[in-house]
Amino acid sequence: MLYFSHPSSLEHDPRQGLPGHPENPGRLRAIEAALAERDWLGWERREAPAAREEELVLVHPREHVQRIRDLCRSGGGVIDADTFAGERSYEAALHAAGGACAMTRALLAGEAEVGFCALRPPGHHAEPERAMGFCLFDSVAVAAALAIAELGLERVFVLDWDVHHGNGTAEIFRHRDDVLFASIHQGGIFPGTGAREDTGSGRGEGYTINLPVPAGSEEELWVSLLADVVIPAAEEFEPQLVLISAGFDAHRDDPLAECRLEASSFGRLASIAKEAAERWHAPVGAVLEGGYDLSALAASTVAMMAALGD
């Protein structure tokens, strides 16, 4: 069980340009305080390396990477109404993506069966050429692409249970049949994508599963969609690696959405994913995405890690 982090994650603070921003360093402090109280649940802690540019350009054009780098080196600025990059944000984003890559390398080398990257900024809203939704680079997509391009895999399953649709990951893999992307998310909220009818395009048609749920949705609906819809599709796909975009903003206390999960719900979701992955002899790696009520975020993360490590 491997836990990846890096001090740079605490140096990226959107509140510098967008006061009151919910995606701030306090999120990681809350998670790590809860884990420290529990002796890190027995997980081995590793420092996340910075991603190489050649890893980032597996999913982002080089021009996008350079735009983010140049913005940060010039002192930073507001990218859109939700997204800010400061002077240290490029470094933080490099380590966020690099941690996902290092975790993937370690899992596929047999060093562990499960891993978690507690790094920020999050990534799943970052489209190939566009930073948005608090995200600069799509870390989970970089890791999935790396597994196929450099580590010899043929099929990767990306499960996104963040309450907001992972539009960036969906767009990155829209035309590919070697990555199965499945998202359970609240419909009708940011970013406005993820309709059930959208199943991918071209060669990738049928390799995107979008499952929007209504506001007020509780644990049983999320669990049934994962167990009865997503897992059977993944079973047919036979993935060699499972990557989870682990957002915790479907919790009932989260301020940015209206779903009704409990902290323990994320333990159930993680258990279902892990049990399936064991049948497929596939390791499981999770990457932190959303979750903005600090106590709910910490408790949900602990529940997920406990289930993955069980």
Protein backbone atom coordinates (compact mmCIF):
# COMPACT_ATOMS: atom_id res chain seq x y z
CA MET A 1 0.00 0.00 0.00
CA LEU A 2 1.71 3.14 -1.26
CA TYR A 3 0.81 6.74 -0.37
CA PHE A 4 2.31 9.48 -2.55
CA SER A 5 2.57 13.12 -1.51
CA HIS A 6 4.81 16.15 -2.01
CA PRO A 7 5.30 19.46 -0.16
CA SER A 8 4.63 21.44 -3.33
CA SER A 9 0.95 20.49 -3.05
CA LEU A 10 0.71 22.88 -0.10
CA GLU A 11 2.25 25.75 -2.08
CA HIS A 12 -0.48 25.89 -4.73
CA ASP A 13 -3.17 28.19 -3.31
CA PRO A 14 -5.89 29.53 -5.61
CA ARG A 15 -7.00 31.88 -2.85
CA GLN A 16 -4.10 34.12 -3.90
CA GLY A 17 -6.11 35.14 -6.95
CA LEU A 18 -9.60 33.87 -6.13
CA PRO A 19 -10.34 34.64 -2.44
CA GLY A 20 -12.36 31.99 -0.63
CA HIS A 21 -11.52 29.30 -3.18
CA PRO A 22 -12.59 25.87 -1.85
CA GLU A 23 -9.69 23.96 -3.44
CA ASN A 24 -6.90 25.04 -1.11
CA PRO A 25 -4.05 23.53 0.94
CA GLY A 26 -6.35 22.95 3.92
CA ARG A 27 -7.76 19.94 2.09
CA LEU A 28 -4.48 18.03 2.29
CA ARG A 29 -3.80 19.17 5.83
CA ALA A 30 -7.16 17.73 6.90
CA ILE A 31 -6.50 14.41 5.15
CA GLU A 32 -3.01 14.01 6.56
CA ALA A 33 -4.03 14.98 10.10
CA ALA A 34 -6.67 12.25 10.03
CA LEU A 35 -4.19 9.71 8.66
CA ALA A 36 -1.48 10.66 11.16
CA GLU A 37 -3.94 9.96 13.98
CA ARG A 38 -4.32 6.46 12.56
CA ASP A 39 -0.61 5.79 11.93
CA TRP A 40 -1.24 6.28 8.20
CA LEU A 41 -3.28 3.04 8.22
CA GLY A 42 -0.02 1.17 7.72
CA TRP A 43 0.57 2.61 4.24
CA GLU A 44 4.11 3.27 3.04
CA ARG A 45 4.67 6.97 2.36
CA ARG A 46 6.64 8.02 -0.72
CA GLU A 47 7.51 11.42 -2.15
CA ALA A 48 6.00 12.07 -5.57
CA PRO A 49 8.52 13.00 -8.28
CA ALA A 50 7.84 15.70 -10.85
CA ALA A 51 6.37 14.50 -14.12
CA ARG A 52 8.59 14.80 -17.16
CA GLU A 53 7.27 16.93 -19.99
CA GLU A 54 7.31 13.82 -22.18
CA GLU A 55 4.84 12.22 -19.80
CA LEU A 56 2.51 15.22 -19.81
CA VAL A 57 2.48 15.41 -23.61
CA LEU A 58 1.04 11.91 -23.77
CA VAL A 59 -2.32 13.65 -23.19
CA HIS A 60 -1.68 17.42 -23.45
CA PRO A 61 -0.18 19.31 -26.42
CA ARG A 62 3.26 20.65 -25.61
CA GLU A 63 1.89 24.16 -26.11
CA HIS A 64 -0.56 23.69 -23.23
CA VAL A 65 2.19 22.52 -20.89
CA GLN A 66 4.33 25.49 -21.87
CA ARG A 67 1.46 27.95 -21.40
CA ILE A 68 0.95 26.79 -17.80
CA ARG A 69 4.69 26.85 -17.16
CA ASP A 70 5.10 30.34 -18.58
CA LEU A 71 2.07 31.69 -16.70
CA CYS A 72 3.43 30.45 -13.40
CA ARG A 73 6.97 31.63 -14.07
CA SER A 74 5.62 35.09 -14.83
CA GLY A 75 3.96 35.23 -11.40
CA GLY A 76 0.70 33.43 -12.15
CA GLY A 77 -2.82 34.60 -12.76
CA VAL A 78 -6.49 33.74 -13.05
CA ILE A 79 -7.20 31.29 -15.89
CA ASP A 80 -11.00 31.35 -15.58
CA ALA A 81 -13.60 32.12 -12.92
CA ASP A 82 -12.76 28.88 -11.07
CA THR A 83 -9.12 28.24 -11.91
CA PHE A 84 -5.97 29.99 -10.73
CA ALA A 85 -2.29 29.22 -11.19
CA GLY A 86 0.25 30.92 -8.96
CA GLU A 87 4.00 31.09 -9.05
CA ARG A 88 4.35 27.63 -7.44
CA SER A 89 1.37 25.99 -9.12
CA TYR A 90 3.29 24.58 -12.08
CA GLU A 91 5.62 22.72 -9.73
CA ALA A 92 2.68 21.41 -7.73
CA ALA A 93 0.91 20.24 -10.89
CA LEU A 94 4.09 18.52 -12.10
CA HIS A 95 4.33 16.57 -8.86
CA ALA A 96 0.60 15.75 -8.92
CA ALA A 97 0.95 14.17 -12.36
CA GLY A 98 4.36 12.74 -11.50
CA GLY A 99 2.98 11.07 -8.40
CA ALA A 100 0.28 9.37 -10.47
CA CYS A 101 2.95 8.16 -12.88
CA ALA A 102 5.24 6.94 -10.08
CA MET A 103 2.34 5.13 -8.45
CA THR A 104 1.49 3.45 -11.74
CA ARG A 105 5.08 2.38 -12.31
CA ALA A 106 5.29 0.96 -8.77
CA LEU A 107 1.99 -0.90 -9.05
CA LEU A 108 2.90 -2.46 -12.39
CA ALA A 109 6.34 -3.41 -11.05
CA GLY A 110 4.59 -5.41 -8.34
CA GLU A 111 5.78 -3.21 -5.46
CA ALA A 112 2.22 -2.99 -4.12
CA GLU A 113 -1.33 -3.91 -5.07
CA VAL A 114 -2.89 -0.56 -4.19
CA GLY A 115 -1.80 3.08 -4.10
CA PHE A 116 -3.17 6.55 -3.45
CA CYS A 117 -1.90 9.95 -4.57
CA ALA A 118 -2.83 12.69 -2.10
CA LEU A 119 -1.67 15.51 -4.33
CA ARG A 120 -3.12 18.71 -5.73
CA PRO A 121 -4.20 20.50 -7.82
CA PRO A 122 -6.76 17.93 -8.95
CA GLY A 123 -6.81 16.97 -12.60
CA HIS A 124 -9.88 15.36 -14.10
CA HIS A 125 -11.41 18.56 -15.53
CA ALA A 126 -8.26 19.52 -17.46
CA GLU A 127 -8.96 18.97 -21.13
CA PRO A 128 -6.14 18.39 -23.62
CA GLU A 129 -5.67 22.09 -24.39
CA ARG A 130 -7.56 23.75 -21.54
CA ALA A 131 -7.03 24.15 -17.80
CA MET A 132 -10.38 24.45 -16.03
CA GLY A 133 -12.38 23.40 -12.99
CA PHE A 134 -9.48 23.91 -10.55
CA CYS A 135 -7.32 21.61 -12.74
CA LEU A 136 -4.13 22.29 -14.74
CA PHE A 137 -3.00 18.84 -15.97
CA ASP A 138 -5.08 15.64 -15.98
CA SER A 139 -2.98 13.46 -13.69
CA VAL A 140 -5.05 10.29 -13.88
CA ALA A 141 -5.14 10.51 -17.68
CA VAL A 142 -1.37 11.00 -17.82
CA ALA A 143 -0.92 7.87 -15.69
CA ALA A 144 -3.31 5.81 -17.81
CA ALA A 145 -1.64 6.91 -21.04
CA LEU A 146 1.79 6.20 -19.57
CA ALA A 147 0.77 2.65 -18.65
CA ILE A 148 -0.09 1.97 -22.29
CA ALA A 149 2.59 4.01 -24.06
CA GLU A 150 5.59 3.05 -21.91
CA LEU A 151 4.72 0.26 -19.50
CA GLY A 152 3.36 -2.37 -21.85
CA LEU A 153 -0.33 -2.46 -20.94
CA GLU A 154 -3.10 -2.86 -23.47
CA ARG A 155 -6.19 -1.98 -21.37
CA VAL A 156 -6.68 0.49 -18.51
CA PHE A 157 -9.95 1.17 -16.66
CA VAL A 158 -10.47 4.67 -15.22
CA LEU A 159 -13.28 4.91 -12.67
CA ASP A 160 -14.34 8.46 -11.76
CA TRP A 161 -16.68 8.80 -8.78
CA ASP A 162 -16.17 12.54 -8.23
CA VAL A 163 -19.58 14.23 -8.05
CA HIS A 164 -18.60 16.40 -11.04
CA HIS A 165 -18.18 14.74 -14.42
CA GLY A 166 -14.56 14.10 -15.38
CA ASN A 167 -14.84 15.93 -18.68
CA GLY A 168 -11.10 16.23 -19.20
CA THR A 169 -10.46 12.51 -18.90
CA ALA A 170 -13.49 11.76 -21.06
CA GLU A 171 -12.23 14.06 -23.83
CA ILE A 172 -8.66 12.76 -23.67
CA PHE A 173 -9.78 9.17 -24.22
CA ARG A 174 -12.92 9.86 -26.27
CA HIS A 175 -11.55 8.23 -29.46
CA ARG A 176 -9.61 5.38 -27.81
CA ASP A 177 -10.62 1.78 -27.19
CA ASP A 178 -7.69 0.91 -24.89
CA VAL A 179 -9.02 3.00 -21.98
CA LEU A 180 -12.45 2.34 -20.53
CA PHE A 181 -13.70 5.48 -18.77
CA ALA A 182 -16.67 5.33 -16.41
CA SER A 183 -18.08 8.30 -14.50
CA ILE A 184 -20.83 8.38 -11.88
CA HIS A 185 -21.67 12.04 -11.25
CA GLN A 186 -24.47 14.43 -10.40
CA GLY A 187 -26.19 15.62 -13.55
CA GLY A 188 -26.96 19.24 -14.28
CA ILE A 189 -24.02 20.79 -12.43
CA PHE A 190 -20.50 21.83 -13.43
CA PRO A 191 -19.10 21.13 -15.98
CA GLY A 192 -22.36 20.33 -17.74
CA THR A 193 -21.01 17.33 -19.64
CA GLY A 194 -21.42 13.60 -19.08
CA ALA A 195 -24.79 12.79 -20.60
CA ARG A 196 -25.70 9.10 -20.56
CA GLU A 197 -25.95 9.13 -24.36
CA ASP A 198 -22.29 10.14 -24.67
CA THR A 199 -20.48 6.82 -25.01
CA GLY A 200 -17.36 7.98 -26.85
CA SER A 201 -16.62 8.58 -30.52
CA GLY A 202 -15.15 6.73 -33.47
CA ARG A 203 -12.98 3.83 -32.39
CA GLY A 204 -13.73 4.79 -28.79
CA GLU A 205 -17.50 4.48 -29.09
CA GLY A 206 -18.73 2.25 -26.27
CA TYR A 207 -15.63 2.83 -24.15
CA THR A 208 -17.11 5.78 -22.23
CA ILE A 209 -19.78 5.14 -19.61
CA ASN A 210 -21.53 8.22 -18.24
CA LEU A 211 -23.99 7.71 -15.39
CA PRO A 212 -25.48 11.02 -14.24
CA VAL A 213 -27.55 10.86 -11.07
CA PRO A 214 -30.04 13.38 -9.69
CA ALA A 215 -29.47 15.72 -6.77
CA GLY A 216 -30.23 13.96 -3.49
CA SER A 217 -28.91 10.60 -4.69
CA GLU A 218 -27.84 8.35 -1.85
CA GLU A 219 -25.37 5.52 -1.39
CA GLU A 220 -27.51 2.69 -2.70
CA LEU A 221 -27.91 4.28 -6.12
CA TRP A 222 -24.17 4.93 -6.47
CA VAL A 223 -23.32 1.42 -5.28
CA SER A 224 -25.85 -0.22 -7.61
CA LEU A 225 -24.59 1.73 -10.63
CA LEU A 226 -21.02 0.71 -9.88
CA ALA A 227 -21.82 -2.93 -9.10
CA ASP A 228 -24.52 -3.56 -11.71
CA VAL A 229 -23.51 -1.35 -14.64
CA VAL A 230 -19.87 -0.31 -14.46
CA ILE A 231 -18.23 -3.46 -13.12
CA PRO A 232 -19.92 -5.81 -15.62
CA ALA A 233 -18.74 -3.58 -18.48
CA ALA A 234 -15.24 -3.51 -17.04
CA GLU A 235 -15.35 -7.29 -16.59
CA GLU A 236 -15.88 -7.65 -20.33
CA PHE A 237 -13.07 -5.14 -20.99
CA GLU A 238 -10.61 -7.15 -18.84
CA PRO A 239 -8.47 -4.24 -17.60
CA GLN A 240 -4.88 -4.73 -16.52
CA LEU A 241 -4.90 -1.64 -14.29
CA VAL A 242 -7.64 0.20 -12.42
CA LEU A 243 -7.22 3.93 -11.78
CA ILE A 244 -9.73 5.81 -9.65
CA SER A 245 -10.42 9.53 -9.87
CA ALA A 246 -11.26 9.70 -6.19
CA GLY A 247 -13.37 12.76 -5.53
CA PHE A 248 -15.26 12.90 -2.25
CA ASP A 249 -17.68 15.72 -3.07
CA ALA A 250 -20.69 13.42 -3.36
CA HIS A 251 -20.66 13.46 0.47
CA ARG A 252 -23.83 14.91 1.98
CA ASP A 253 -21.88 17.74 3.66
CA ASP A 254 -20.03 18.93 0.56
CA PRO A 255 -20.84 22.57 -0.33
CA LEU A 256 -20.47 22.22 -4.12
CA ALA A 257 -23.06 19.52 -4.89
CA GLU A 258 -26.25 17.94 -3.58
CA CYS A 259 -25.68 14.20 -3.28
CA ARG A 260 -26.10 12.33 -0.02
CA LEU A 261 -23.24 9.88 0.43
CA GLU A 262 -21.62 9.21 3.81
CA ALA A 263 -17.90 8.79 4.45
CA SER A 264 -18.48 5.04 4.71
CA SER A 265 -20.03 5.07 1.23
CA PHE A 266 -16.61 5.64 -0.29
CA GLY A 267 -15.35 2.59 1.56
CA ARG A 268 -18.10 0.55 -0.09
CA LEU A 269 -17.29 1.92 -3.54
CA ALA A 270 -13.60 1.20 -3.02
CA SER A 271 -14.31 -2.33 -1.81
CA ILE A 272 -16.39 -3.11 -4.91
CA ALA A 273 -13.67 -1.78 -7.19
CA LYS A 274 -10.92 -3.63 -5.36
CA GLU A 275 -12.77 -6.96 -5.29
CA ALA A 276 -13.34 -6.72 -9.04
CA ALA A 277 -9.72 -5.76 -9.65
CA GLU A 278 -8.57 -8.80 -7.70
CA ARG A 279 -10.56 -11.01 -10.08
CA TRP A 280 -8.83 -9.29 -12.98
CA HIS A 281 -5.40 -9.53 -11.30
CA ALA A 282 -5.15 -5.76 -11.79
CA PRO A 283 -3.62 -3.35 -9.26
CA VAL A 284 -5.64 -0.33 -8.11
CA GLY A 285 -4.38 3.24 -7.90
CA ALA A 286 -6.45 6.20 -6.70
CA VAL A 287 -5.80 9.88 -7.38
CA LEU A 288 -7.33 12.67 -5.27
CA GLU A 289 -9.84 14.85 -7.07
CA GLY A 290 -12.59 16.89 -5.30
CA GLY A 291 -14.05 17.10 -1.81
CA TYR A 292 -14.47 20.46 -0.11
CA ASP A 293 -15.91 19.95 3.36
CA LEU A 294 -12.73 19.27 5.29
CA SER A 295 -14.04 16.85 7.89
CA ALA A 296 -16.07 14.94 5.29
CA LEU A 297 -13.09 14.84 2.95
CA ALA A 298 -10.77 13.49 5.63
CA ALA A 299 -13.22 10.85 6.85
CA SER A 300 -14.07 9.75 3.32
CA THR A 301 -10.42 9.45 2.34
CA VAL A 302 -9.71 7.35 5.43
CA ALA A 303 -12.66 5.10 4.59
CA MET A 304 -11.47 4.61 1.01
CA MET A 305 -7.89 3.88 2.03
CA ALA A 306 -9.00 1.45 4.73
CA ALA A 307 -11.10 -0.43 2.20
CA LEU A 308 -8.36 -0.53 -0.41
CA GLY A 309 -5.87 -1.73 2.16
CA ASP A 310 -8.13 -4.37 3.64
